[in-house]
Amino acid sequence: MCAEHEATTKTQPRNGIRIRCHDDDLRFETIIASKSTTPAGSREGSAICCEINMLRNVDIVDAHHHFINAPALVYPWIESRQPALTALLANYYDAAHPYLPENYRADVCALPLTGSIACEFGAADGVAEAIWVQQCADRGDVPNAFIAAVQLDSHDLPDVLARYRDLPIIRAVRQPLYWAVDPIKRLGARGDYLGDRAWLRGFERVADAGLVWDLLVYDEQLPTTHHLIASFPETTFVLEAMGWPLDLTAGGFSRWEERLRAISEFPNVVLKLQGIALILGTSLTAIGPWIRMAINIFGARRCMFASHYPIDHLLWDSQTMVSTMHAALADLSAEERADFFGETARRVYFPSADS
């Protein structure tokens, strides 16, 4: 929490969720002050600044951020630098240092944040990572829910899921499936999981456990996921990074749109818009068409905001992130903004809450 806000901050229950909230408007003064460097006459800067005051009415749940509990936990991707990560962002490894709940809270302290969902971050021992996150939550700290790591074709999957059942913070699981022709874009271990019988048997165990599945695929892989999604209609699939488009050209946009429309036909799929700066850039012009189209296709009730911190914090601060996205979605109604910035995440990851 920001030091200047600490005296006016308290913890309150909201729909059964522990939250931290502010009693005054200092956070908005901070946001406005941060915009003082916007070039005079900049239409984009003006559009963003016009949205600042509207943030008073936005109740935010961050649906995706990470922690790095090093050196207590080992992260192989930190121990051995991955070319795929530096190809994605040249200074990716500037974030490869301890990033604990207090660091995250400091990075988002200027926002009206009422909840967060943390996500596994490639620790060598996913169960140990989940236990530590549960301990953080038990102390009354962030997060409010956790997306844990699984390897669905692993022989110890039943034991891992049994351990996860004892950790109420866990509401979802995931395994990276990102695969592409270009080896530098391969963030998954293999490209054939969706057709692997052992992997699919593992998915049945996840479905039987009633867990949400966070789906990590590129947009060009989306057609290959249809059978899986249709086979498990009671399982909620959260498509991360808005179906990560690899081709940002006009033609790529059209193909991404077509694929996104096709997968939106499955009612058990919702869309998470994390990694926006990493994938698209930070300007209103760069992100606007993509996120507007995503919400046009899925509807705000099936879309959720997410920071992807600490990685995207290398690219924009929390005030700029939220105000830019808010400006891009200026045509949404107040109810739609509430869904996108918080209520969708509550419905998906906090199922026991009355949202």
Foldseek 3Di string as FASTA:
>chain_A
DDPVQVVQWDWDDDLNFIFIFGPDLVLLVVLLVVLPPPDPPDPQSVLLNVCSVVLVLAEFEAEEAEFDPPPVFAAVCLVDPALLQCVLPVVLCVQVDGGDLVNVCVQQVSHNYTAYEYEDDRTPDQLVVLVVQLVCVVVVTDHQAYATEDDLLDPCLVVSVVSVVVRVRYQHYEAAQEDDPPVSRDPHPDNCLLPDPSSVVSVVVCLVSQHAYEYHYALVCLVSCVVVCVVRLSHAYEDEQLRQQPDLDPVSLVSSLVSLLVVLVRVSYAYENECQCSRFNQTLVRRLVPVVSSCVRNPLLRYEYHYHPPSCVVRPGNSSRVSSVCSSPVVDDSVSSNSHRHVSSCVRRVVSGPD
